[in-house]
Amino acid sequence: MEAGKIYYDTNEVAAMVGCEPSALRFWEKKFPQLNPKRDSRNRRRYTERDIEIVRKIMHQKEHQGRTIKGAREQMRRKEESQLLVQRLLRVRKFLVDIKEAL
């Protein structure tokens, strides 16, 4: 990845991760997490976050042998668990603040 570059086009991302551009377009339809921005000419513009999601999808499929459905479910569960951890950390902070106030 180029230093200082914010957006990458479909062909650049495909070359970076070693897949076909058509696979990126297909995964965009199947994974709600993958949602590249569009420019004024309606071309997809991928961010570092989008590229990381593509790599996670590829890892799930190639190294863990998951189907598209299985990879999507695994990513959804991971997001839910991360949200739960964030909520628990907020609750813990709230309780610590209450304890200190007493």
PDB file of N, CA and C in Angstrom:
ATOM      1  N   MET A   1       0.843  -1.177   0.000  1.00  0.00           N
ATOM      2  CA  MET A   1       0.000   0.000   0.000  1.00  0.00           C
ATOM      3  C   MET A   1       0.889   1.242   0.000  1.00  0.00           C
ATOM      4  N   GLU A   2       0.475   2.207  -0.734  1.00  0.00           N
ATOM      5  CA  GLU A   2       1.268   3.414  -0.862  1.00  0.00           C
ATOM      6  C   GLU A   2       1.069   4.312   0.346  1.00  0.00           C
ATOM      7  N   ALA A   3       2.166   4.881   0.822  1.00  0.00           N
ATOM      8  CA  ALA A   3       2.096   5.782   1.970  1.00  0.00           C
ATOM      9  C   ALA A   3       1.332   7.044   1.574  1.00  0.00           C
ATOM     10  N   GLY A   4       0.406   7.444   2.402  1.00  0.00           N
ATOM     11  CA  GLY A   4      -0.343   8.671   2.173  1.00  0.00           C
ATOM     12  C   GLY A   4      -1.522   8.532   1.230  1.00  0.00           C
ATOM     13  N   LYS A   5      -1.693   7.392   0.633  1.00  0.00           N
ATOM     14  CA  LYS A   5      -2.813   7.201  -0.285  1.00  0.00           C
ATOM     15  C   LYS A   5      -4.046   6.796   0.519  1.00  0.00           C
ATOM     16  N   ILE A   6      -5.170   7.444   0.243  1.00  0.00           N
ATOM     17  CA  ILE A   6      -6.391   7.199   1.011  1.00  0.00           C
ATOM     18  C   ILE A   6      -7.307   6.212   0.306  1.00  0.00           C
ATOM     19  N   TYR A   7      -7.449   6.342  -1.014  1.00  0.00           N
ATOM     20  CA  TYR A   7      -8.377   5.510  -1.768  1.00  0.00           C
ATOM     21  C   TYR A   7      -7.655   4.713  -2.847  1.00  0.00           C
ATOM     22  N   TYR A   8      -8.153   3.507  -3.080  1.00  0.00           N
ATOM     23  CA  TYR A   8      -7.610   2.620  -4.103  1.00  0.00           C
ATOM     24  C   TYR A   8      -8.747   2.186  -5.005  1.00  0.00           C
ATOM     25  N   ASP A   9      -8.458   2.014  -6.301  1.00  0.00           N
ATOM     26  CA  ASP A   9      -9.528   1.551  -7.193  1.00  0.00           C
ATOM     27  C   ASP A   9      -9.591   0.026  -7.185  1.00  0.00           C
ATOM     28  N   THR A  10     -10.597  -0.504  -7.837  1.00  0.00           N
ATOM     29  CA  THR A  10     -10.867  -1.942  -7.817  1.00  0.00           C
ATOM     30  C   THR A  10      -9.681  -2.758  -8.321  1.00  0.00           C
ATOM     31  N   ASN A  11      -9.077  -2.339  -9.422  1.00  0.00           N
ATOM     32  CA  ASN A  11      -7.950  -3.095  -9.979  1.00  0.00           C
ATOM     33  C   ASN A  11      -6.743  -3.086  -9.051  1.00  0.00           C
ATOM     34  N   GLU A  12      -6.486  -1.956  -8.396  1.00  0.00           N
ATOM     35  CA  GLU A  12      -5.368  -1.890  -7.446  1.00  0.00           C
ATOM     36  C   GLU A  12      -5.593  -2.846  -6.281  1.00  0.00           C
ATOM     37  N   VAL A  13      -6.799  -2.856  -5.744  1.00  0.00           N
ATOM     38  CA  VAL A  13      -7.107  -3.726  -4.605  1.00  0.00           C
ATOM     39  C   VAL A  13      -7.011  -5.189  -5.031  1.00  0.00           C
ATOM     40  N   ALA A  14      -7.551  -5.512  -6.187  1.00  0.00           N
ATOM     41  CA  ALA A  14      -7.496  -6.889  -6.683  1.00  0.00           C
ATOM     42  C   ALA A  14      -6.041  -7.349  -6.811  1.00  0.00           C
ATOM     43  N   ALA A  15      -5.174  -6.486  -7.326  1.00  0.00           N
ATOM     44  CA  ALA A  15      -3.758  -6.835  -7.458  1.00  0.00           C
ATOM     45  C   ALA A  15      -3.100  -6.985  -6.083  1.00  0.00           C
ATOM     46  N   MET A  16      -3.465  -6.119  -5.139  1.00  0.00           N
ATOM     47  CA  MET A  16      -2.881  -6.173  -3.789  1.00  0.00           C
ATOM     48  C   MET A  16      -3.192  -7.481  -3.076  1.00  0.00           C
ATOM     49  N   VAL A  17      -4.447  -7.908  -3.183  1.00  0.00           N
ATOM     50  CA  VAL A  17      -4.882  -9.075  -2.407  1.00  0.00           C
ATOM     51  C   VAL A  17      -4.852 -10.371  -3.215  1.00  0.00           C
ATOM     52  N   GLY A  18      -4.651 -10.289  -4.507  1.00  0.00           N
ATOM     53  CA  GLY A  18      -4.538 -11.485  -5.334  1.00  0.00           C
ATOM     54  C   GLY A  18      -5.857 -12.132  -5.696  1.00  0.00           C
ATOM     55  N   CYS A  19      -6.808 -11.314  -6.091  1.00  0.00           N
ATOM     56  CA  CYS A  19      -8.091 -11.854  -6.549  1.00  0.00           C
ATOM     57  C   CYS A  19      -8.517 -11.099  -7.808  1.00  0.00           C
ATOM     58  N   GLU A  20      -9.603 -11.524  -8.372  1.00  0.00           N
ATOM     59  CA  GLU A  20     -10.144 -10.865  -9.564  1.00  0.00           C
ATOM     60  C   GLU A  20     -11.021  -9.681  -9.152  1.00  0.00           C
ATOM     61  N   PRO A  21     -11.035  -8.614  -9.952  1.00  0.00           N
ATOM     62  CA  PRO A  21     -11.930  -7.487  -9.653  1.00  0.00           C
ATOM     63  C   PRO A  21     -13.396  -7.908  -9.547  1.00  0.00           C
ATOM     64  N   SER A  22     -13.801  -8.902 -10.341  1.00  0.00           N
ATOM     65  CA  SER A  22     -15.195  -9.362 -10.284  1.00  0.00           C
ATOM     66  C   SER A  22     -15.515  -9.977  -8.922  1.00  0.00           C
ATOM     67  N   ALA A  23     -14.514 -10.591  -8.274  1.00  0.00           N
ATOM     68  CA  ALA A  23     -14.735 -11.150  -6.938  1.00  0.00           C
ATOM     69  C   ALA A  23     -15.013 -10.029  -5.937  1.00  0.00           C
ATOM     70  N   LEU A  24     -14.306  -8.926  -6.067  1.00  0.00           N
ATOM     71  CA  LEU A  24     -14.546  -7.786  -5.170  1.00  0.00           C
ATOM     72  C   LEU A  24     -15.970  -7.264  -5.332  1.00  0.00           C
ATOM     73  N   ARG A  25     -16.406  -7.148  -6.568  1.00  0.00           N
ATOM     74  CA  ARG A  25     -17.768  -6.657  -6.812  1.00  0.00           C
ATOM     75  C   ARG A  25     -18.804  -7.646  -6.260  1.00  0.00           C
ATOM     76  N   PHE A  26     -18.539  -8.934  -6.414  1.00  0.00           N
ATOM     77  CA  PHE A  26     -19.443  -9.957  -5.900  1.00  0.00           C
ATOM     78  C   PHE A  26     -19.506  -9.897  -4.377  1.00  0.00           C
ATOM     79  N   TRP A  27     -18.338  -9.829  -3.715  1.00  0.00           N
ATOM     80  CA  TRP A  27     -18.302  -9.796  -2.252  1.00  0.00           C
ATOM     81  C   TRP A  27     -18.979  -8.550  -1.697  1.00  0.00           C
ATOM     82  N   GLU A  28     -18.919  -7.471  -2.446  1.00  0.00           N
ATOM     83  CA  GLU A  28     -19.581  -6.235  -2.015  1.00  0.00           C
ATOM     84  C   GLU A  28     -21.091  -6.470  -1.856  1.00  0.00           C
ATOM     85  N   LYS A  29     -21.649  -7.320  -2.713  1.00  0.00           N
ATOM     86  CA  LYS A  29     -23.083  -7.628  -2.632  1.00  0.00           C
ATOM     87  C   LYS A  29     -23.386  -8.579  -1.483  1.00  0.00           C
ATOM     88  N   LYS A  30     -22.444  -9.449  -1.138  1.00  0.00           N
ATOM     89  CA  LYS A  30     -22.682 -10.497  -0.142  1.00  0.00           C
ATOM     90  C   LYS A  30     -22.297 -10.107   1.282  1.00  0.00           C
ATOM     91  N   PHE A  31     -21.413  -9.133   1.440  1.00  0.00           N
ATOM     92  CA  PHE A  31     -20.931  -8.731   2.765  1.00  0.00           C
ATOM     93  C   PHE A  31     -21.276  -7.265   3.025  1.00  0.00           C
ATOM     94  N   PRO A  32     -22.212  -7.013   3.936  1.00  0.00           N
ATOM     95  CA  PRO A  32     -22.584  -5.622   4.208  1.00  0.00           C
ATOM     96  C   PRO A  32     -21.421  -4.800   4.775  1.00  0.00           C
ATOM     97  N   GLN A  33     -20.431  -5.461   5.370  1.00  0.00           N
ATOM     98  CA  GLN A  33     -19.277  -4.762   5.927  1.00  0.00           C
ATOM     99  C   GLN A  33     -18.425  -4.124   4.827  1.00  0.00           C
ATOM    100  N   LEU A  34     -18.455  -4.709   3.653  1.00  0.00           N
ATOM    101  CA  LEU A  34     -17.655  -4.222   2.529  1.00  0.00           C
ATOM    102  C   LEU A  34     -18.505  -3.252   1.717  1.00  0.00           C
ATOM    103  N   ASN A  35     -18.212  -1.986   1.884  1.00  0.00           N
ATOM    104  CA  ASN A  35     -19.021  -0.961   1.247  1.00  0.00           C
ATOM    105  C   ASN A  35     -18.119   0.188   0.781  1.00  0.00           C
ATOM    106  N   PRO A  36     -17.365  -0.021  -0.314  1.00  0.00           N
ATOM    107  CA  PRO A  36     -16.471   1.046  -0.764  1.00  0.00           C
ATOM    108  C   PRO A  36     -17.256   2.276  -1.211  1.00  0.00           C
ATOM    109  N   LYS A  37     -16.633   3.410  -1.023  1.00  0.00           N
ATOM    110  CA  LYS A  37     -17.256   4.667  -1.463  1.00  0.00           C
ATOM    111  C   LYS A  37     -17.236   4.719  -2.984  1.00  0.00           C
ATOM    112  N   ARG A  38     -18.047   5.598  -3.522  1.00  0.00           N
ATOM    113  CA  ARG A  38     -18.084   5.805  -4.971  1.00  0.00           C
ATOM    114  C   ARG A  38     -17.672   7.245  -5.255  1.00  0.00           C
ATOM    115  N   ASP A  39     -16.934   7.444  -6.344  1.00  0.00           N
ATOM    116  CA  ASP A  39     -16.566   8.809  -6.717  1.00  0.00           C
ATOM    117  C   ASP A  39     -17.632   9.399  -7.640  1.00  0.00           C
ATOM    118  N   SER A  40     -17.379  10.581  -8.140  1.00  0.00           N
ATOM    119  CA  SER A  40     -18.377  11.278  -8.971  1.00  0.00           C
ATOM    120  C   SER A  40     -18.675  10.522 -10.265  1.00  0.00           C
ATOM    121  N   ARG A  41     -17.758   9.656 -10.678  1.00  0.00           N
ATOM    122  CA  ARG A  41     -17.983   8.855 -11.890  1.00  0.00           C
ATOM    123  C   ARG A  41     -18.481   7.452 -11.545  1.00  0.00           C
ATOM    124  N   ASN A  42     -18.910   7.271 -10.308  1.00  0.00           N
ATOM    125  CA  ASN A  42     -19.484   6.027  -9.794  1.00  0.00           C
ATOM    126  C   ASN A  42     -18.484   4.862  -9.756  1.00  0.00           C
ATOM    127  N   ARG A  43     -17.196   5.187  -9.696  1.00  0.00           N
ATOM    128  CA  ARG A  43     -16.178   4.148  -9.562  1.00  0.00           C
ATOM    129  C   ARG A  43     -15.972   3.850  -8.076  1.00  0.00           C
ATOM    130  N   ARG A  44     -15.727   2.586  -7.774  1.00  0.00           N
ATOM    131  CA  ARG A  44     -15.500   2.182  -6.392  1.00  0.00           C
ATOM    132  C   ARG A  44     -14.155   2.710  -5.914  1.00  0.00           C
ATOM    133  N   ARG A  45     -14.134   3.202  -4.675  1.00  0.00           N
ATOM    134  CA  ARG A  45     -12.914   3.695  -4.043  1.00  0.00           C
ATOM    135  C   ARG A  45     -12.772   2.999  -2.698  1.00  0.00           C
ATOM    136  N   TYR A  46     -11.790   2.118  -2.600  1.00  0.00           N
ATOM    137  CA  TYR A  46     -11.581   1.322  -1.401  1.00  0.00           C
ATOM    138  C   TYR A  46     -10.633   2.032  -0.439  1.00  0.00           C
ATOM    139  N   THR A  47     -10.959   1.971   0.846  1.00  0.00           N
ATOM    140  CA  THR A  47     -10.086   2.508   1.888  1.00  0.00           C
ATOM    141  C   THR A  47      -9.272   1.358   2.480  1.00  0.00           C
ATOM    142  N   GLU A  48      -8.344   1.698   3.369  1.00  0.00           N
ATOM    143  CA  GLU A  48      -7.553   0.676   4.062  1.00  0.00           C
ATOM    144  C   GLU A  48      -8.488  -0.283   4.807  1.00  0.00           C
ATOM    145  N   ARG A  49      -9.547   0.259   5.415  1.00  0.00           N
ATOM    146  CA  ARG A  49     -10.517  -0.573   6.144  1.00  0.00           C
ATOM    147  C   ARG A  49     -11.197  -1.566   5.202  1.00  0.00           C
ATOM    148  N   ASP A  50     -11.596  -1.092   4.020  1.00  0.00           N
ATOM    149  CA  ASP A  50     -12.221  -1.979   3.030  1.00  0.00           C
ATOM    150  C   ASP A  50     -11.258  -3.100   2.620  1.00  0.00           C
ATOM    151  N   ILE A  51     -10.007  -2.744   2.425  1.00  0.00           N
ATOM    152  CA  ILE A  51      -9.009  -3.736   2.016  1.00  0.00           C
ATOM    153  C   ILE A  51      -8.820  -4.770   3.121  1.00  0.00           C
ATOM    154  N   GLU A  52      -8.830  -4.329   4.363  1.00  0.00           N
ATOM    155  CA  GLU A  52      -8.707  -5.260   5.487  1.00  0.00           C
ATOM    156  C   GLU A  52      -9.896  -6.231   5.514  1.00  0.00           C
ATOM    157  N   ILE A  53     -11.090  -5.738   5.221  1.00  0.00           N
ATOM    158  CA  ILE A  53     -12.275  -6.592   5.167  1.00  0.00           C
ATOM    159  C   ILE A  53     -12.129  -7.622   4.043  1.00  0.00           C
ATOM    160  N   VAL A  54     -11.633  -7.190   2.892  1.00  0.00           N
ATOM    161  CA  VAL A  54     -11.415  -8.111   1.770  1.00  0.00           C
ATOM    162  C   VAL A  54     -10.439  -9.207   2.184  1.00  0.00           C
ATOM    163  N   ARG A  55      -9.383  -8.820   2.881  1.00  0.00           N
ATOM    164  CA  ARG A  55      -8.394  -9.820   3.335  1.00  0.00           C
ATOM    165  C   ARG A  55      -9.013 -10.803   4.319  1.00  0.00           C
ATOM    166  N   LYS A  56      -9.885 -10.308   5.186  1.00  0.00           N
ATOM    167  CA  LYS A  56     -10.566 -11.199   6.139  1.00  0.00           C
ATOM    168  C   LYS A  56     -11.464 -12.188   5.390  1.00  0.00           C
ATOM    169  N   ILE A  57     -12.170 -11.693   4.387  1.00  0.00           N
ATOM    170  CA  ILE A  57     -13.039 -12.566   3.586  1.00  0.00           C
ATOM    171  C   ILE A  57     -12.197 -13.647   2.917  1.00  0.00           C
ATOM    172  N   MET A  58     -11.098 -13.243   2.311  1.00  0.00           N
ATOM    173  CA  MET A  58     -10.239 -14.207   1.622  1.00  0.00           C
ATOM    174  C   MET A  58      -9.662 -15.230   2.597  1.00  0.00           C
ATOM    175  N   HIS A  59      -9.269 -14.772   3.773  1.00  0.00           N
ATOM    176  CA  HIS A  59      -8.726 -15.681   4.786  1.00  0.00           C
ATOM    177  C   HIS A  59      -9.779 -16.708   5.195  1.00  0.00           C
ATOM    178  N   GLN A  60     -10.993 -16.232   5.424  1.00  0.00           N
ATOM    179  CA  GLN A  60     -12.085 -17.125   5.815  1.00  0.00           C
ATOM    180  C   GLN A  60     -12.319 -18.185   4.742  1.00  0.00           C
ATOM    181  N   LYS A  61     -12.309 -17.769   3.481  1.00  0.00           N
ATOM    182  CA  LYS A  61     -12.601 -18.696   2.387  1.00  0.00           C
ATOM    183  C   LYS A  61     -11.428 -19.629   2.108  1.00  0.00           C
ATOM    184  N   GLU A  62     -10.236 -19.077   1.979  1.00  0.00           N
ATOM    185  CA  GLU A  62      -9.099 -19.878   1.522  1.00  0.00           C
ATOM    186  C   GLU A  62      -8.440 -20.690   2.630  1.00  0.00           C
ATOM    187  N   HIS A  63      -8.250 -20.086   3.800  1.00  0.00           N
ATOM    188  CA  HIS A  63      -7.492 -20.755   4.851  1.00  0.00           C
ATOM    189  C   HIS A  63      -8.380 -21.501   5.845  1.00  0.00           C
ATOM    190  N   GLN A  64      -9.620 -21.055   5.981  1.00  0.00           N
ATOM    191  CA  GLN A  64     -10.507 -21.721   6.922  1.00  0.00           C
ATOM    192  C   GLN A  64     -11.581 -22.538   6.212  1.00  0.00           C
ATOM    193  N   GLY A  65     -11.610 -22.482   4.892  1.00  0.00           N
ATOM    194  CA  GLY A  65     -12.509 -23.313   4.105  1.00  0.00           C
ATOM    195  C   GLY A  65     -13.986 -22.975   4.258  1.00  0.00           C
ATOM    196  N   ARG A  66     -14.294 -21.750   4.598  1.00  0.00           N
ATOM    197  CA  ARG A  66     -15.700 -21.366   4.774  1.00  0.00           C
ATOM    198  C   ARG A  66     -16.333 -20.990   3.445  1.00  0.00           C
ATOM    199  N   THR A  67     -17.630 -21.196   3.378  1.00  0.00           N
ATOM    200  CA  THR A  67     -18.411 -20.726   2.232  1.00  0.00           C
ATOM    201  C   THR A  67     -18.656 -19.236   2.410  1.00  0.00           C
ATOM    202  N   ILE A  68     -19.234 -18.611   1.404  1.00  0.00           N
ATOM    203  CA  ILE A  68     -19.588 -17.188   1.511  1.00  0.00           C
ATOM    204  C   ILE A  68     -20.521 -16.996   2.712  1.00  0.00           C
ATOM    205  N   LYS A  69     -21.532 -17.849   2.802  1.00  0.00           N
ATOM    206  CA  LYS A  69     -22.488 -17.744   3.903  1.00  0.00           C
ATOM    207  C   LYS A  69     -21.788 -17.919   5.255  1.00  0.00           C
ATOM    208  N   GLY A  70     -20.904 -18.899   5.355  1.00  0.00           N
ATOM    209  CA  GLY A  70     -20.183 -19.139   6.598  1.00  0.00           C
ATOM    210  C   GLY A  70     -19.267 -17.987   6.964  1.00  0.00           C
ATOM    211  N   ALA A  71     -18.581 -17.439   5.970  1.00  0.00           N
ATOM    212  CA  ALA A  71     -17.688 -16.297   6.223  1.00  0.00           C
ATOM    213  C   ALA A  71     -18.492 -15.077   6.665  1.00  0.00           C
ATOM    214  N   ARG A  72     -19.636 -14.857   6.022  1.00  0.00           N
ATOM    215  CA  ARG A  72     -20.482 -13.716   6.389  1.00  0.00           C
ATOM    216  C   ARG A  72     -20.978 -13.861   7.824  1.00  0.00           C
ATOM    217  N   GLU A  73     -21.403 -15.064   8.188  1.00  0.00           N
ATOM    218  CA  GLU A  73     -21.890 -15.331   9.549  1.00  0.00           C
ATOM    219  C   GLU A  73     -20.775 -15.143  10.570  1.00  0.00           C
ATOM    220  N   GLN A  74     -19.584 -15.638  10.268  1.00  0.00           N
ATOM    221  CA  GLN A  74     -18.449 -15.497  11.182  1.00  0.00           C
ATOM    222  C   GLN A  74     -18.104 -14.025  11.397  1.00  0.00           C
ATOM    223  N   MET A  75     -18.104 -13.251  10.332  1.00  0.00           N
ATOM    224  CA  MET A  75     -17.792 -11.823  10.453  1.00  0.00           C
ATOM    225  C   MET A  75     -18.882 -11.101  11.247  1.00  0.00           C
ATOM    226  N   ARG A  76     -20.130 -11.491  11.041  1.00  0.00           N
ATOM    227  CA  ARG A  76     -21.228 -10.875  11.793  1.00  0.00           C
ATOM    228  C   ARG A  76     -21.086 -11.168  13.282  1.00  0.00           C
ATOM    229  N   ARG A  77     -20.780 -12.421  13.617  1.00  0.00           N
ATOM    230  CA  ARG A  77     -20.610 -12.789  15.028  1.00  0.00           C
ATOM    231  C   ARG A  77     -19.445 -12.040  15.667  1.00  0.00           C
ATOM    232  N   LYS A  78     -18.372 -11.881  14.909  1.00  0.00           N
ATOM    233  CA  LYS A  78     -17.207 -11.158  15.439  1.00  0.00           C
ATOM    234  C   LYS A  78     -17.561  -9.705  15.716  1.00  0.00           C
ATOM    235  N   GLU A  79     -18.300  -9.073  14.815  1.00  0.00           N
ATOM    236  CA  GLU A  79     -18.733  -7.688  15.034  1.00  0.00           C
ATOM    237  C   GLU A  79     -19.609  -7.585  16.283  1.00  0.00           C
ATOM    238  N   GLU A  80     -20.542  -8.532  16.430  1.00  0.00           N
ATOM    239  CA  GLU A  80     -21.425  -8.521  17.594  1.00  0.00           C
ATOM    240  C   GLU A  80     -20.630  -8.682  18.880  1.00  0.00           C
ATOM    241  N   SER A  81     -19.631  -9.553  18.869  1.00  0.00           N
ATOM    242  CA  SER A  81     -18.837  -9.760  20.087  1.00  0.00           C
ATOM    243  C   SER A  81     -18.009  -8.522  20.399  1.00  0.00           C
ATOM    244  N   GLN A  82     -17.508  -7.831  19.382  1.00  0.00           N
ATOM    245  CA  GLN A  82     -16.761  -6.598  19.616  1.00  0.00           C
ATOM    246  C   GLN A  82     -17.659  -5.520  20.213  1.00  0.00           C
ATOM    247  N   LEU A  83     -18.894  -5.423  19.732  1.00  0.00           N
ATOM    248  CA  LEU A  83     -19.846  -4.463  20.289  1.00  0.00           C
ATOM    249  C   LEU A  83     -20.165  -4.799  21.747  1.00  0.00           C
ATOM    250  N   LEU A  84     -20.315  -6.080  22.044  1.00  0.00           N
ATOM    251  CA  LEU A  84     -20.590  -6.503  23.405  1.00  0.00           C
ATOM    252  C   LEU A  84     -19.433  -6.141  24.332  1.00  0.00           C
ATOM    253  N   VAL A  85     -18.220  -6.359  23.894  1.00  0.00           N
ATOM    254  CA  VAL A  85     -17.046  -5.994  24.702  1.00  0.00           C
ATOM    255  C   VAL A  85     -17.040  -4.488  24.960  1.00  0.00           C
ATOM    256  N   GLN A  86     -17.334  -3.689  23.952  1.00  0.00           N
ATOM    257  CA  GLN A  86     -17.373  -2.234  24.132  1.00  0.00           C
ATOM    258  C   GLN A  86     -18.435  -1.842  25.154  1.00  0.00           C
ATOM    259  N   ARG A  87     -19.603  -2.459  25.072  1.00  0.00           N
ATOM    260  CA  ARG A  87     -20.667  -2.161  26.043  1.00  0.00           C
ATOM    261  C   ARG A  87     -20.237  -2.534  27.451  1.00  0.00           C
ATOM    262  N   LEU A  88     -19.626  -3.701  27.598  1.00  0.00           N
ATOM    263  CA  LEU A  88     -19.177  -4.141  28.920  1.00  0.00           C
ATOM    264  C   LEU A  88     -18.105  -3.215  29.483  1.00  0.00           C
ATOM    265  N   LEU A  89     -17.230  -2.711  28.634  1.00  0.00           N
ATOM    266  CA  LEU A  89     -16.216  -1.769  29.101  1.00  0.00           C
ATOM    267  C   LEU A  89     -16.852  -0.464  29.579  1.00  0.00           C
ATOM    268  N   ARG A  90     -17.899  -0.008  28.882  1.00  0.00           N
ATOM    269  CA  ARG A  90     -18.604   1.203  29.319  1.00  0.00           C
ATOM    270  C   ARG A  90     -19.302   0.977  30.657  1.00  0.00           C
ATOM    271  N   VAL A  91     -19.916  -0.199  30.817  1.00  0.00           N
ATOM    272  CA  VAL A  91     -20.579  -0.528  32.080  1.00  0.00           C
ATOM    273  C   VAL A  91     -19.554  -0.581  33.203  1.00  0.00           C
ATOM    274  N   ARG A  92     -18.416  -1.201  32.935  1.00  0.00           N
ATOM    275  CA  ARG A  92     -17.361  -1.293  33.951  1.00  0.00           C
ATOM    276  C   ARG A  92     -16.892   0.097  34.361  1.00  0.00           C
ATOM    277  N   LYS A  93     -16.674   0.967  33.388  1.00  0.00           N
ATOM    278  CA  LYS A  93     -16.244   2.334  33.695  1.00  0.00           C
ATOM    279  C   LYS A  93     -17.299   3.041  34.532  1.00  0.00           C
ATOM    280  N   PHE A  94     -18.559   2.872  34.177  1.00  0.00           N
ATOM    281  CA  PHE A  94     -19.651   3.477  34.936  1.00  0.00           C
ATOM    282  C   PHE A  94     -19.632   3.000  36.386  1.00  0.00           C
ATOM    283  N   LEU A  95     -19.468   1.699  36.585  1.00  0.00           N
ATOM    284  CA  LEU A  95     -19.448   1.146  37.937  1.00  0.00           C
ATOM    285  C   LEU A  95     -18.224   1.624  38.728  1.00  0.00           C
ATOM    286  N   VAL A  96     -17.086   1.718  38.060  1.00  0.00           N
ATOM    287  CA  VAL A  96     -15.885   2.236  38.727  1.00  0.00           C
ATOM    288  C   VAL A  96     -16.101   3.679  39.136  1.00  0.00           C
ATOM    289  N   ASP A  97     -16.716   4.476  38.265  1.00  0.00           N
ATOM    290  CA  ASP A  97     -16.999   5.882  38.585  1.00  0.00           C
ATOM    291  C   ASP A  97     -17.939   5.992  39.792  1.00  0.00           C
ATOM    292  N   ILE A  98     -18.950   5.132  39.828  1.00  0.00           N
ATOM    293  CA  ILE A  98     -19.884   5.128  40.970  1.00  0.00           C
ATOM    294  C   ILE A  98     -19.142   4.771  42.249  1.00  0.00           C
ATOM    295  N   LYS A  99     -18.303   3.733  42.186  1.00  0.00           N
ATOM    296  CA  LYS A  99     -17.549   3.299  43.347  1.00  0.00           C
ATOM    297  C   LYS A  99     -16.670   4.419  43.875  1.00  0.00           C
ATOM    298  N   GLU A 100     -15.997   5.128  42.974  1.00  0.00           N
ATOM    299  CA  GLU A 100     -15.116   6.235  43.372  1.00  0.00           C
ATOM    300  C   GLU A 100     -15.918   7.395  43.959  1.00  0.00           C
ATOM    301  N   ALA A 101     -17.125   7.568  43.483  1.00  0.00           N
ATOM    302  CA  ALA A 101     -17.964   8.671  43.989  1.00  0.00           C
ATOM    303  C   ALA A 101     -18.491   8.381  45.391  1.00  0.00           C
ATOM    304  N   LEU A 102     -18.555   7.101  45.776  1.00  0.00           N
ATOM    305  CA  LEU A 102     -19.071   6.733  47.093  1.00  0.00           C
ATOM    306  C   LEU A 102     -18.027   6.858  48.131  1.00  0.00           C
TER     307      LEU A 102
END
